PDB file of N, CA and C in Angstrom:
ATOM      1  N   MET A   1       0.784 100.971  99.463  1.00  0.00           N
ATOM      2  CA  MET A   1       0.097 101.652  98.334  1.00  0.00           C
ATOM      3  C   MET A   1      -0.402 100.004  97.478  1.00  0.00           C
ATOM      4  N   ARG A   2      -1.446 100.169  96.871  1.00  0.00           N
ATOM      5  CA  ARG A   2      -2.033  99.134  95.878  1.00  0.00           C
ATOM      6  C   ARG A   2      -1.651  99.465  94.582  1.00  0.00           C
ATOM      7  N   TRP A   3      -1.202  98.319  94.042  1.00  0.00           N
ATOM      8  CA  TRP A   3      -1.048  98.756  92.464  1.00  0.00           C
ATOM      9  C   TRP A   3      -2.002  97.442  91.669  1.00  0.00           C
ATOM     10  N   PRO A   4      -2.488  98.009  90.767  1.00  0.00           N
ATOM     11  CA  PRO A   4      -3.428  96.664  89.772  1.00  0.00           C
ATOM     12  C   PRO A   4      -2.578  96.112  89.110  1.00  0.00           C
ATOM     13  N   CYS A   5      -2.594  95.081  89.237  1.00  0.00           N
ATOM     14  CA  CYS A   5      -1.978  93.868  88.245  1.00  0.00           C
ATOM     15  C   CYS A   5      -2.493  93.018  87.345  1.00  0.00           C
ATOM     16  N   LYS A   6      -2.001  91.851  86.664  1.00  0.00           N
ATOM     17  CA  LYS A   6      -2.612  90.860  85.902  1.00  0.00           C
ATOM     18  C   LYS A   6      -3.857  90.332  86.611  1.00  0.00           C
ATOM     19  N   TYR A   7      -5.123  90.005  85.998  1.00  0.00           N
ATOM     20  CA  TYR A   7      -6.545  89.416  86.336  1.00  0.00           C
ATOM     21  C   TYR A   7      -6.704  90.366  87.738  1.00  0.00           C
ATOM     22  N   ASN A   8      -6.622  91.587  87.400  1.00  0.00           N
ATOM     23  CA  ASN A   8      -7.158  92.625  88.462  1.00  0.00           C
ATOM     24  C   ASN A   8      -6.932  92.416  89.769  1.00  0.00           C
ATOM     25  N   GLN A   9      -5.936  91.843  90.088  1.00  0.00           N
ATOM     26  CA  GLN A   9      -5.955  91.443  91.549  1.00  0.00           C
ATOM     27  C   GLN A   9      -4.833  92.742  91.806  1.00  0.00           C
ATOM     28  N   PHE A  10      -4.687  92.758  92.986  1.00  0.00           N
ATOM     29  CA  PHE A  10      -3.649  94.079  93.739  1.00  0.00           C
ATOM     30  C   PHE A  10      -3.096  93.307  94.696  1.00  0.00           C
ATOM     31  N   VAL A  11      -1.601  94.314  94.286  1.00  0.00           N
ATOM     32  CA  VAL A  11      -0.558  93.960  95.540  1.00  0.00           C
ATOM     33  C   VAL A  11      -0.468  95.110  96.123  1.00  0.00           C
ATOM     34  N   ASP A  12      -0.478  94.598  97.689  1.00  0.00           N
ATOM     35  CA  ASP A  12       0.035  95.927  98.633  1.00  0.00           C
ATOM     36  C   ASP A  12       1.367  95.942  98.909  1.00  0.00           C
ATOM     37  N   THR A  13       1.884  97.026  98.270  1.00  0.00           N
ATOM     38  CA  THR A  13       3.404  97.222  98.119  1.00  0.00           C
ATOM     39  C   THR A  13       4.248  97.416  99.816  1.00  0.00           C
ATOM     40  N   SER A  14       2.939  97.476 101.055  1.00  0.00           N
ATOM     41  CA  SER A  14       3.330  97.682 102.217  1.00  0.00           C
ATOM     42  C   SER A  14       3.641  96.392 102.761  1.00  0.00           C
ATOM     43  N   VAL A  15       2.914  94.962 102.177  1.00  0.00           N
ATOM     44  CA  VAL A  15       2.842  93.721 102.739  1.00  0.00           C
ATOM     45  C   VAL A  15       3.966  93.230 102.307  1.00  0.00           C
ATOM     46  N   MET A  16       4.297  93.447 100.712  1.00  0.00           N
ATOM     47  CA  MET A  16       5.380  92.376  99.910  1.00  0.00           C
ATOM     48  C   MET A  16       5.933  93.848  99.181  1.00  0.00           C
ATOM     49  N   PRO A  17       7.086  94.258  99.852  1.00  0.00           N
ATOM     50  CA  PRO A  17       7.830  95.600  99.683  1.00  0.00           C
ATOM     51  C   PRO A  17       8.941  94.975  98.344  1.00  0.00           C
ATOM     52  N   CYS A  18       9.279  93.413  98.568  1.00  0.00           N
ATOM     53  CA  CYS A  18      10.458  92.910  97.904  1.00  0.00           C
ATOM     54  C   CYS A  18       9.803  92.581  96.605  1.00  0.00           C
ATOM     55  N   TYR A  19       8.655  92.127  96.227  1.00  0.00           N
ATOM     56  CA  TYR A  19       8.571  91.480  94.748  1.00  0.00           C
ATOM     57  C   TYR A  19       8.852  92.558  94.111  1.00  0.00           C
ATOM     58  N   ILE A  20       9.066  92.457  92.788  1.00  0.00           N
ATOM     59  CA  ILE A  20       9.221  93.212  91.287  1.00  0.00           C
ATOM     60  C   ILE A  20       7.988  92.896  90.516  1.00  0.00           C
ATOM     61  N   ILE A  21       6.892  93.727  90.690  1.00  0.00           N
ATOM     62  CA  ILE A  21       6.039  93.293  89.171  1.00  0.00           C
ATOM     63  C   ILE A  21       6.368  94.155  87.970  1.00  0.00           C
ATOM     64  N   THR A  22       6.594  92.760  87.148  1.00  0.00           N
ATOM     65  CA  THR A  22       6.720  93.078  85.975  1.00  0.00           C
ATOM     66  C   THR A  22       5.852  93.440  84.404  1.00  0.00           C
ATOM     67  N   GLU A  23       4.569  93.098  85.377  1.00  0.00           N
ATOM     68  CA  GLU A  23       3.301  93.195  84.367  1.00  0.00           C
ATOM     69  C   GLU A  23       2.149  93.963  84.981  1.00  0.00           C
ATOM     70  N   VAL A  24       2.080  94.916  84.566  1.00  0.00           N
ATOM     71  CA  VAL A  24       0.907  95.594  85.217  1.00  0.00           C
ATOM     72  C   VAL A  24      -0.159  96.391  84.019  1.00  0.00           C
ATOM     73  N   ALA A  25      -1.321  96.012  84.910  1.00  0.00           N
ATOM     74  CA  ALA A  25      -2.256  96.387  83.301  1.00  0.00           C
ATOM     75  C   ALA A  25      -3.014  97.279  84.322  1.00  0.00           C
ATOM     76  N   THR A  26      -3.218  98.185  84.034  1.00  0.00           N
ATOM     77  CA  THR A  26      -4.008  99.598  84.433  1.00  0.00           C
ATOM     78  C   THR A  26      -5.614  99.339  84.002  1.00  0.00           C
ATOM     79  N   THR A  27      -6.325  99.708  84.645  1.00  0.00           N
ATOM     80  CA  THR A  27      -8.039  99.373  84.437  1.00  0.00           C
ATOM     81  C   THR A  27      -8.463 100.658  83.945  1.00  0.00           C
ATOM     82  N   ASN A  28      -7.519 102.022  84.318  1.00  0.00           N
ATOM     83  CA  ASN A  28      -8.355 103.255  84.042  1.00  0.00           C
ATOM     84  C   ASN A  28      -7.428 104.251  83.444  1.00  0.00           C
ATOM     85  N   SER A  29      -6.637 103.521  82.633  1.00  0.00           N
ATOM     86  CA  SER A  29      -5.666 103.896  81.934  1.00  0.00           C
ATOM     87  C   SER A  29      -5.953 105.347  80.758  1.00  0.00           C
ATOM     88  N   ALA A  30      -5.153 106.237  80.476  1.00  0.00           N
ATOM     89  CA  ALA A  30      -5.490 106.846  79.402  1.00  0.00           C
ATOM     90  C   ALA A  30      -5.457 106.379  78.156  1.00  0.00           C
ATOM     91  N   LYS A  31      -6.101 106.808  77.221  1.00  0.00           N
ATOM     92  CA  LYS A  31      -5.916 106.032  75.855  1.00  0.00           C
ATOM     93  C   LYS A  31      -5.319 107.063  74.860  1.00  0.00           C
ATOM     94  N   SER A  32      -4.311 106.270  73.976  1.00  0.00           N
ATOM     95  CA  SER A  32      -3.413 107.115  72.929  1.00  0.00           C
ATOM     96  C   SER A  32      -4.018 106.732  71.504  1.00  0.00           C
ATOM     97  N   ASN A  33      -3.870 107.289  70.544  1.00  0.00           N
ATOM     98  CA  ASN A  33      -4.274 107.286  69.054  1.00  0.00           C
ATOM     99  C   ASN A  33      -2.569 106.346  68.304  1.00  0.00           C
ATOM    100  N   VAL A  34      -3.096 105.127  67.800  1.00  0.00           N
ATOM    101  CA  VAL A  34      -1.974 104.956  66.856  1.00  0.00           C
ATOM    102  C   VAL A  34      -2.359 105.179  65.304  1.00  0.00           C
ATOM    103  N   ASN A  35      -1.575 105.664  64.877  1.00  0.00           N
ATOM    104  CA  ASN A  35      -2.063 106.141  63.398  1.00  0.00           C
ATOM    105  C   ASN A  35      -0.820 105.279  62.272  1.00  0.00           C
ATOM    106  N   VAL A  36      -1.580 104.401  61.588  1.00  0.00           N
ATOM    107  CA  VAL A  36      -0.695 103.765  60.585  1.00  0.00           C
ATOM    108  C   VAL A  36      -1.257 103.798  58.915  1.00  0.00           C
ATOM    109  N   LYS A  37      -0.299 103.788  57.826  1.00  0.00           N
ATOM    110  CA  LYS A  37      -0.844 103.691  56.572  1.00  0.00           C
ATOM    111  C   LYS A  37      -0.659 102.136  56.328  1.00  0.00           C
ATOM    112  N   ILE A  38      -1.602 101.902  55.778  1.00  0.00           N
ATOM    113  CA  ILE A  38      -1.833 100.106  55.259  1.00  0.00           C
ATOM    114  C   ILE A  38      -2.324  99.944  54.085  1.00  0.00           C
ATOM    115  N   ASP A  39      -1.824  98.934  53.377  1.00  0.00           N
ATOM    116  CA  ASP A  39      -2.583  98.838  51.847  1.00  0.00           C
ATOM    117  C   ASP A  39      -4.158  98.883  52.207  1.00  0.00           C
ATOM    118  N   ALA A  40      -4.779  99.216  51.228  1.00  0.00           N
ATOM    119  CA  ALA A  40      -6.374  99.200  51.308  1.00  0.00           C
ATOM    120  C   ALA A  40      -6.935  97.747  51.468  1.00  0.00           C
ATOM    121  N   ILE A  41      -6.398  97.155  50.675  1.00  0.00           N
ATOM    122  CA  ILE A  41      -6.858  95.910  50.579  1.00  0.00           C
ATOM    123  C   ILE A  41      -6.671  94.947  51.749  1.00  0.00           C
ATOM    124  N   VAL A  42      -5.428  95.149  52.201  1.00  0.00           N
ATOM    125  CA  VAL A  42      -5.021  94.406  53.468  1.00  0.00           C
ATOM    126  C   VAL A  42      -5.947  94.838  54.528  1.00  0.00           C
ATOM    127  N   LYS A  43      -6.264  95.701  54.693  1.00  0.00           N
ATOM    128  CA  LYS A  43      -7.119  96.644  55.820  1.00  0.00           C
ATOM    129  C   LYS A  43      -8.832  96.042  55.770  1.00  0.00           C
ATOM    130  N   GLU A  44      -9.202  96.207  54.216  1.00  0.00           N
ATOM    131  CA  GLU A  44     -10.170  95.639  53.995  1.00  0.00           C
ATOM    132  C   GLU A  44     -10.757  93.889  54.255  1.00  0.00           C
ATOM    133  N   GLN A  45      -9.731  93.310  53.971  1.00  0.00           N
ATOM    134  CA  GLN A  45      -9.590  91.706  54.155  1.00  0.00           C
ATOM    135  C   GLN A  45      -9.448  91.519  55.529  1.00  0.00           C
ATOM    136  N   ALA A  46      -8.773  92.366  56.570  1.00  0.00           N
ATOM    137  CA  ALA A  46      -8.462  91.753  57.719  1.00  0.00           C
ATOM    138  C   ALA A  46      -9.899  92.247  58.635  1.00  0.00           C
ATOM    139  N   THR A  47     -10.303  93.705  58.088  1.00  0.00           N
ATOM    140  CA  THR A  47     -11.567  93.936  58.537  1.00  0.00           C
ATOM    141  C   THR A  47     -12.613  92.839  58.311  1.00  0.00           C
ATOM    142  N   ARG A  48     -12.810  92.126  57.389  1.00  0.00           N
ATOM    143  CA  ARG A  48     -14.025  91.465  57.243  1.00  0.00           C
ATOM    144  C   ARG A  48     -13.709  90.239  57.778  1.00  0.00           C
ATOM    145  N   LEU A  49     -12.213  89.494  58.263  1.00  0.00           N
ATOM    146  CA  LEU A  49     -12.348  88.669  59.018  1.00  0.00           C
ATOM    147  C   LEU A  49     -12.563  89.023  60.472  1.00  0.00           C
ATOM    148  N   LEU A  50     -12.121  90.107  61.029  1.00  0.00           N
ATOM    149  CA  LEU A  50     -12.181  90.470  61.986  1.00  0.00           C
ATOM    150  C   LEU A  50     -13.714  90.677  62.617  1.00  0.00           C
ATOM    151  N   ASP A  51     -14.453  91.164  61.545  1.00  0.00           N
ATOM    152  CA  ASP A  51     -16.301  91.357  61.739  1.00  0.00           C
ATOM    153  C   ASP A  51     -16.792  89.984  62.082  1.00  0.00           C
ATOM    154  N   ARG A  52     -16.161  89.247  61.250  1.00  0.00           N
ATOM    155  CA  ARG A  52     -16.521  87.649  61.335  1.00  0.00           C
ATOM    156  C   ARG A  52     -16.276  87.211  62.654  1.00  0.00           C
ATOM    157  N   MET A  53     -15.320  87.472  63.242  1.00  0.00           N
ATOM    158  CA  MET A  53     -14.920  87.138  64.774  1.00  0.00           C
ATOM    159  C   MET A  53     -15.540  87.813  65.895  1.00  0.00           C
ATOM    160  N   GLY A  54     -16.160  89.162  65.400  1.00  0.00           N
ATOM    161  CA  GLY A  54     -16.823  89.992  66.551  1.00  0.00           C
ATOM    162  C   GLY A  54     -15.657  90.786  66.965  1.00  0.00           C
ATOM    163  N   ILE A  55     -14.652  91.115  66.426  1.00  0.00           N
ATOM    164  CA  ILE A  55     -13.697  91.886  67.117  1.00  0.00           C
ATOM    165  C   ILE A  55     -13.370  93.081  65.779  1.00  0.00           C
ATOM    166  N   ASP A  56     -13.807  94.513  66.698  1.00  0.00           N
ATOM    167  CA  ASP A  56     -12.871  95.406  65.786  1.00  0.00           C
ATOM    168  C   ASP A  56     -11.890  95.725  65.839  1.00  0.00           C
ATOM    169  N   GLN A  57     -11.423  96.882  64.978  1.00  0.00           N
ATOM    170  CA  GLN A  57      -9.901  96.998  64.775  1.00  0.00           C
ATOM    171  C   GLN A  57      -9.407  97.650  65.825  1.00  0.00           C
ATOM    172  N   THR A  58      -9.741  98.403  66.545  1.00  0.00           N
ATOM    173  CA  THR A  58      -9.141  98.901  67.930  1.00  0.00           C
ATOM    174  C   THR A  58      -8.653  97.787  68.926  1.00  0.00           C
ATOM    175  N   THR A  59      -9.948  96.929  69.024  1.00  0.00           N
ATOM    176  CA  THR A  59      -9.660  95.588  69.806  1.00  0.00           C
ATOM    177  C   THR A  59      -8.554  94.993  69.574  1.00  0.00           C
ATOM    178  N   ALA A  60      -8.768  94.587  67.998  1.00  0.00           N
ATOM    179  CA  ALA A  60      -7.212  93.607  67.381  1.00  0.00           C
ATOM    180  C   ALA A  60      -6.041  94.261  67.820  1.00  0.00           C
ATOM    181  N   ILE A  61      -5.938  95.628  67.526  1.00  0.00           N
ATOM    182  CA  ILE A  61      -4.691  96.216  67.456  1.00  0.00           C
ATOM    183  C   ILE A  61      -4.218  96.262  69.122  1.00  0.00           C
ATOM    184  N   ASP A  62      -5.268  96.352  69.916  1.00  0.00           N
ATOM    185  CA  ASP A  62      -4.589  96.053  71.461  1.00  0.00           C
ATOM    186  C   ASP A  62      -4.573  95.034  71.972  1.00  0.00           C
ATOM    187  N   MET A  63      -5.023  94.229  71.371  1.00  0.00           N
ATOM    188  CA  MET A  63      -4.659  92.684  71.468  1.00  0.00           C
ATOM    189  C   MET A  63      -3.418  92.134  71.031  1.00  0.00           C
ATOM    190  N   PHE A  64      -2.933  92.673  69.662  1.00  0.00           N
ATOM    191  CA  PHE A  64      -1.538  92.612  69.314  1.00  0.00           C
ATOM    192  C   PHE A  64      -0.165  93.406  70.243  1.00  0.00           C
ATOM    193  N   TYR A  65      -0.588  94.623  70.511  1.00  0.00           N
ATOM    194  CA  TYR A  65       0.541  94.820  71.299  1.00  0.00           C
ATOM    195  C   TYR A  65       0.100  94.307  72.891  1.00  0.00           C
ATOM    196  N   ARG A  66      -0.661  93.967  73.605  1.00  0.00           N
ATOM    197  CA  ARG A  66      -0.550  93.489  74.838  1.00  0.00           C
ATOM    198  C   ARG A  66       0.209  91.922  74.506  1.00  0.00           C
ATOM    199  N   GLN A  67      -0.427  91.054  73.793  1.00  0.00           N
ATOM    200  CA  GLN A  67       0.864  90.124  73.190  1.00  0.00           C
ATOM    201  C   GLN A  67       2.057  90.363  73.020  1.00  0.00           C
ATOM    202  N   ILE A  68       2.494  91.274  72.448  1.00  0.00           N
ATOM    203  CA  ILE A  68       3.887  91.478  72.570  1.00  0.00           C
ATOM    204  C   ILE A  68       4.597  91.983  73.730  1.00  0.00           C
ATOM    205  N   ILE A  69       3.942  92.765  74.646  1.00  0.00           N
ATOM    206  CA  ILE A  69       4.445  93.182  76.218  1.00  0.00           C
ATOM    207  C   ILE A  69       4.220  91.609  76.833  1.00  0.00           C
ATOM    208  N   SER A  70       3.418  90.947  76.615  1.00  0.00           N
ATOM    209  CA  SER A  70       3.269  89.700  77.088  1.00  0.00           C
ATOM    210  C   SER A  70       4.442  88.913  77.108  1.00  0.00           C
ATOM    211  N   GLU A  71       4.655  88.480  75.533  1.00  0.00           N
ATOM    212  CA  GLU A  71       5.505  87.563  75.157  1.00  0.00           C
ATOM    213  C   GLU A  71       7.402  88.204  75.214  1.00  0.00           C
ATOM    214  N   HIS A  72       7.080  89.423  75.135  1.00  0.00           N
ATOM    215  CA  HIS A  72       8.605  90.109  75.237  1.00  0.00           C
ATOM    216  C   HIS A  72       8.965  89.862  73.625  1.00  0.00           C
ATOM    217  N   ARG A  73       7.810  89.818  72.691  1.00  0.00           N
ATOM    218  CA  ARG A  73       8.416  89.761  71.449  1.00  0.00           C
ATOM    219  C   ARG A  73       7.192  89.872  70.557  1.00  0.00           C
ATOM    220  N   LEU A  74       7.607  89.739  69.158  1.00  0.00           N
ATOM    221  CA  LEU A  74       6.601  89.320  68.289  1.00  0.00           C
ATOM    222  C   LEU A  74       5.660  88.203  68.148  1.00  0.00           C
ATOM    223  N   PRO A  75       4.500  88.328  68.420  1.00  0.00           N
ATOM    224  CA  PRO A  75       3.644  87.117  68.381  1.00  0.00           C
ATOM    225  C   PRO A  75       3.506  86.208  67.243  1.00  0.00           C
ATOM    226  N   PHE A  76       4.761  86.622  66.220  1.00  0.00           N
ATOM    227  CA  PHE A  76       4.460  85.607  65.121  1.00  0.00           C
ATOM    228  C   PHE A  76       6.060  85.754  64.637  1.00  0.00           C
ATOM    229  N   GLN A  77       6.885  84.958  64.033  1.00  0.00           N
ATOM    230  CA  GLN A  77       8.098  85.160  63.557  1.00  0.00           C
ATOM    231  C   GLN A  77       8.191  85.829  62.066  1.00  0.00           C
ATOM    232  N   PRO A  78       8.664  86.949  61.867  1.00  0.00           N
ATOM    233  CA  PRO A  78       8.958  87.674  60.741  1.00  0.00           C
ATOM    234  C   PRO A  78       9.841  86.557  59.790  1.00  0.00           C
ATOM    235  N   THR A  79       9.468  86.428  58.435  1.00  0.00           N
ATOM    236  CA  THR A  79      10.499  86.094  57.456  1.00  0.00           C
ATOM    237  C   THR A  79      10.702  86.924  56.349  1.00  0.00           C
ATOM    238  N   VAL A  80      12.077  86.702  55.815  1.00  0.00           N
ATOM    239  CA  VAL A  80      12.550  87.114  54.853  1.00  0.00           C
ATOM    240  C   VAL A  80      11.777  86.671  53.445  1.00  0.00           C
ATOM    241  N   ALA A  81      10.998  87.124  52.495  1.00  0.00           N
ATOM    242  CA  ALA A  81      10.784  86.348  51.225  1.00  0.00           C
ATOM    243  C   ALA A  81      12.144  86.212  50.532  1.00  0.00           C
ATOM    244  N   LYS A  82      12.183  84.960  50.001  1.00  0.00           N
ATOM    245  CA  LYS A  82      13.416  84.340  48.868  1.00  0.00           C
ATOM    246  C   LYS A  82      13.151  85.127  47.735  1.00  0.00           C
ATOM    247  N   THR A  83      14.459  85.393  47.527  1.00  0.00           N
ATOM    248  CA  THR A  83      14.289  86.086  45.829  1.00  0.00           C
ATOM    249  C   THR A  83      13.942  85.134  45.108  1.00  0.00           C
ATOM    250  N   TYR A  84      14.081  85.114  43.667  1.00  0.00           N
ATOM    251  CA  TYR A  84      13.790  84.303  42.744  1.00  0.00           C
ATOM    252  C   TYR A  84      15.154  83.266  42.386  1.00  0.00           C
ATOM    253  N   GLY A  85      16.138  84.055  42.807  1.00  0.00           N
ATOM    254  CA  GLY A  85      17.415  82.849  42.799  1.00  0.00           C
ATOM    255  C   GLY A  85      17.610  81.820  43.562  1.00  0.00           C
ATOM    256  N   GLU A  86      17.082  82.478  44.903  1.00  0.00           N
ATOM    257  CA  GLU A  86      16.863  81.379  46.245  1.00  0.00           C
ATOM    258  C   GLU A  86      16.014  80.439  45.996  1.00  0.00           C
ATOM    259  N   GLN A  87      14.565  80.950  45.269  1.00  0.00           N
ATOM    260  CA  GLN A  87      13.537  79.915  45.217  1.00  0.00           C
ATOM    261  C   GLN A  87      14.127  79.215  44.423  1.00  0.00           C
ATOM    262  N   ALA A  88      14.868  79.324  42.826  1.00  0.00           N
ATOM    263  CA  ALA A  88      15.432  78.405  41.947  1.00  0.00           C
ATOM    264  C   ALA A  88      16.457  77.304  42.605  1.00  0.00           C
ATOM    265  N   LEU A  89      17.619  77.791  43.133  1.00  0.00           N
ATOM    266  CA  LEU A  89      18.347  77.103  44.234  1.00  0.00           C
ATOM    267  C   LEU A  89      17.291  75.585  44.956  1.00  0.00           C
ATOM    268  N   ASP A  90      16.298  76.693  46.015  1.00  0.00           N
ATOM    269  CA  ASP A  90      15.459  75.443  46.633  1.00  0.00           C
ATOM    270  C   ASP A  90      14.915  74.513  45.743  1.00  0.00           C
ATOM    271  N   LEU A  91      14.530  74.523  44.631  1.00  0.00           N
ATOM    272  CA  LEU A  91      14.085  73.452  43.550  1.00  0.00           C
ATOM    273  C   LEU A  91      14.898  72.828  42.852  1.00  0.00           C
ATOM    274  N   ILE A  92      16.151  73.240  42.801  1.00  0.00           N
ATOM    275  CA  ILE A  92      17.170  72.177  42.268  1.00  0.00           C
ATOM    276  C   ILE A  92      17.119  71.511  43.357  1.00  0.00           C
ATOM    277  N   ARG A  93      17.698  72.058  44.710  1.00  0.00           N
ATOM    278  CA  ARG A  93      18.244  71.209  45.831  1.00  0.00           C
ATOM    279  C   ARG A  93      17.138  69.737  46.104  1.00  0.00           C
ATOM    280  N   ARG A  94      15.768  70.518  45.817  1.00  0.00           N
ATOM    281  CA  ARG A  94      15.307  69.133  45.985  1.00  0.00           C
ATOM    282  C   ARG A  94      14.933  68.472  45.108  1.00  0.00           C
ATOM    283  N   LYS A  95      15.363  68.503  44.077  1.00  0.00           N
ATOM    284  CA  LYS A  95      14.986  67.728  42.854  1.00  0.00           C
ATOM    285  C   LYS A  95      16.591  67.157  42.415  1.00  0.00           C
ATOM    286  N   LYS A  96      17.264  67.587  43.415  1.00  0.00           N
ATOM    287  CA  LYS A  96      18.703  66.896  43.707  1.00  0.00           C
ATOM    288  C   LYS A  96      19.224  66.722  42.600  1.00  0.00           C
ATOM    289  N   ILE A  97      19.206  68.030  41.850  1.00  0.00           N
ATOM    290  CA  ILE A  97      20.126  68.178  40.330  1.00  0.00           C
ATOM    291  C   ILE A  97      21.658  68.502  40.842  1.00  0.00           C
ATOM    292  N   PRO A  98      22.568  67.643  40.392  1.00  0.00           N
ATOM    293  CA  PRO A  98      24.172  67.492  40.676  1.00  0.00           C
ATOM    294  C   PRO A  98      24.576  69.341  40.076  1.00  0.00           C
ATOM    295  N   ASN A  99      25.489  69.655  41.049  1.00  0.00           N
ATOM    296  CA  ASN A  99      25.963  71.078  40.513  1.00  0.00           C
ATOM    297  C   ASN A  99      27.001  70.837  39.326  1.00  0.00           C
ATOM    298  N   ILE A 100      26.939  70.838  38.062  1.00  0.00           N
ATOM    299  CA  ILE A 100      27.860  71.041  37.197  1.00  0.00           C
ATOM    300  C   ILE A 100      28.560  72.131  36.594  1.00  0.00           C
ATOM    301  N   THR A 101      29.445  72.007  35.673  1.00  0.00           N
ATOM    302  CA  THR A 101      29.996  72.968  35.096  1.00  0.00           C
ATOM    303  C   THR A 101      29.108  72.966  33.516  1.00  0.00           C
ATOM    304  N   LEU A 102      28.641  74.167  32.930  1.00  0.00           N
ATOM    305  CA  LEU A 102      28.068  73.922  32.120  1.00  0.00           C
ATOM    306  C   LEU A 102      28.783  74.848  30.353  1.00  0.00           C
ATOM    307  N   ASN A 103      28.782  73.990  29.569  1.00  0.00           N
ATOM    308  CA  ASN A 103      29.975  74.410  28.472  1.00  0.00           C
ATOM    309  C   ASN A 103      29.270  75.753  27.697  1.00  0.00           C
ATOM    310  N   ALA A 104      29.760  76.676  27.362  1.00  0.00           N
ATOM    311  CA  ALA A 104      29.396  77.938  26.512  1.00  0.00           C
ATOM    312  C   ALA A 104      29.865  77.801  25.395  1.00  0.00           C
ATOM    313  N   ASP A 105      29.000  78.678  24.229  1.00  0.00           N
ATOM    314  CA  ASP A 105      29.387  78.654  22.884  1.00  0.00           C
ATOM    315  C   ASP A 105      30.155  80.045  23.251  1.00  0.00           C
ATOM    316  N   GLU A 106      30.787  80.216  21.547  1.00  0.00           N
ATOM    317  CA  GLU A 106      31.279  81.459  21.364  1.00  0.00           C
ATOM    318  C   GLU A 106      31.012  82.815  21.816  1.00  0.00           C
ATOM    319  N   ASN A 107      29.794  82.971  21.495  1.00  0.00           N
ATOM    320  CA  ASN A 107      29.168  84.046  22.141  1.00  0.00           C
ATOM    321  C   ASN A 107      28.735  84.455  23.646  1.00  0.00           C
ATOM    322  N   GLY A 108      29.274  83.275  24.429  1.00  0.00           N
ATOM    323  CA  GLY A 108      29.074  83.077  26.053  1.00  0.00           C
ATOM    324  C   GLY A 108      27.820  82.725  26.127  1.00  0.00           C
ATOM    325  N   ASN A 109      27.126  81.788  25.399  1.00  0.00           N
ATOM    326  CA  ASN A 109      25.729  81.450  26.026  1.00  0.00           C
ATOM    327  C   ASN A 109      25.854  80.105  26.552  1.00  0.00           C
ATOM    328  N   ALA A 110      25.546  79.474  27.729  1.00  0.00           N
ATOM    329  CA  ALA A 110      25.939  78.483  28.166  1.00  0.00           C
ATOM    330  C   ALA A 110      24.822  77.449  27.249  1.00  0.00           C
ATOM    331  N   TYR A 111      24.844  76.235  27.288  1.00  0.00           N
ATOM    332  CA  TYR A 111      24.265  75.092  26.765  1.00  0.00           C
ATOM    333  C   TYR A 111      24.759  73.801  27.841  1.00  0.00           C
ATOM    334  N   ILE A 112      23.333  72.850  27.669  1.00  0.00           N
ATOM    335  CA  ILE A 112      23.747  71.724  28.232  1.00  0.00           C
ATOM    336  C   ILE A 112      23.819  70.679  27.228  1.00  0.00           C
ATOM    337  N   ASP A 113      24.703  69.846  27.197  1.00  0.00           N
ATOM    338  CA  ASP A 113      24.730  68.838  26.452  1.00  0.00           C
ATOM    339  C   ASP A 113      23.742  67.762  26.618  1.00  0.00           C
ATOM    340  N   LYS A 114      22.870  67.626  26.003  1.00  0.00           N
ATOM    341  CA  LYS A 114      21.858  66.465  26.555  1.00  0.00           C
ATOM    342  C   LYS A 114      22.188  64.988  26.665  1.00  0.00           C
ATOM    343  N   GLU A 115      23.536  64.776  25.697  1.00  0.00           N
ATOM    344  CA  GLU A 115      23.876  63.163  26.311  1.00  0.00           C
ATOM    345  C   GLU A 115      24.757  62.913  27.153  1.00  0.00           C
ATOM    346  N   GLN A 116      25.515  64.282  27.553  1.00  0.00           N
ATOM    347  CA  GLN A 116      26.202  64.077  28.885  1.00  0.00           C
ATOM    348  C   GLN A 116      25.159  64.361  30.106  1.00  0.00           C
ATOM    349  N   HIS A 117      24.447  65.254  30.259  1.00  0.00           N
ATOM    350  CA  HIS A 117      23.795  65.244  31.527  1.00  0.00           C
ATOM    351  C   HIS A 117      21.693  65.392  31.116  1.00  0.00           C
ATOM    352  N   PRO A 118      21.512  64.145  30.642  1.00  0.00           N
ATOM    353  CA  PRO A 118      20.027  64.030  30.103  1.00  0.00           C
ATOM    354  C   PRO A 118      19.100  64.448  31.554  1.00  0.00           C
ATOM    355  N   ASP A 119      19.183  64.052  32.439  1.00  0.00           N
ATOM    356  CA  ASP A 119      18.127  64.621  33.611  1.00  0.00           C
ATOM    357  C   ASP A 119      18.600  66.026  33.845  1.00  0.00           C
ATOM    358  N   LEU A 120      19.469  66.440  33.676  1.00  0.00           N
ATOM    359  CA  LEU A 120      19.512  68.192  33.618  1.00  0.00           C
ATOM    360  C   LEU A 120      18.881  68.829  32.387  1.00  0.00           C
ATOM    361  N   TYR A 121      19.516  68.370  31.614  1.00  0.00           N
ATOM    362  CA  TYR A 121      18.461  68.885  29.983  1.00  0.00           C
ATOM    363  C   TYR A 121      17.079  68.634  30.191  1.00  0.00           C
ATOM    364  N   ASP A 122      16.503  67.319  30.791  1.00  0.00           N
ATOM    365  CA  ASP A 122      14.996  67.281  30.674  1.00  0.00           C
ATOM    366  C   ASP A 122      14.539  68.349  31.467  1.00  0.00           C
ATOM    367  N   TRP A 123      15.068  68.824  32.884  1.00  0.00           N
ATOM    368  CA  TRP A 123      14.630  69.504  33.598  1.00  0.00           C
ATOM    369  C   TRP A 123      14.749  70.912  33.175  1.00  0.00           C
ATOM    370  N   ALA A 124      15.885  71.406  32.175  1.00  0.00           N
ATOM    371  CA  ALA A 124      16.046  72.836  31.943  1.00  0.00           C
ATOM    372  C   ALA A 124      14.904  72.653  30.732  1.00  0.00           C
ATOM    373  N   ALA A 125      14.701  71.650  29.905  1.00  0.00           N
ATOM    374  CA  ALA A 125      13.493  72.008  28.939  1.00  0.00           C
ATOM    375  C   ALA A 125      12.129  71.887  29.497  1.00  0.00           C
ATOM    376  N   ASN A 126      11.908  71.191  30.587  1.00  0.00           N
ATOM    377  CA  ASN A 126      10.437  70.596  30.519  1.00  0.00           C
ATOM    378  C   ASN A 126      10.344  71.303  32.399  1.00  0.00           C
ATOM    379  N   GLY A 127      10.887  71.680  33.040  1.00  0.00           N
ATOM    380  CA  GLY A 127      10.898  71.970  34.167  1.00  0.00           C
ATOM    381  C   GLY A 127      10.428  71.238  35.128  1.00  0.00           C
TER     382      GLY A 127
END
């Protein structure tokens, strides 16, 4: 039996029955529809860029799926967007502002003593 495989080569299983083909690319396979809902602006921007590359949406999605199959993973590393609190902590760490205990007034409002922590006061006041 002959099976089409990568790069349109054929493997004759009667000659090489011990080989496992892990990637099969059929040439005359049936087509299937993929229906997705996507933000209209994202679609418009991507379509414009794909047009400049000479690639239609169907081909781009087909390429994306084939890359997933080839790499056995997404072709990019998804990341989780940081919360505002995490972003603020990153800024504090980059500026190397020391962790301190803030004082609080009788209403529970935190305040920074300008004389005791001038760098932190300046950062809080001016960014």
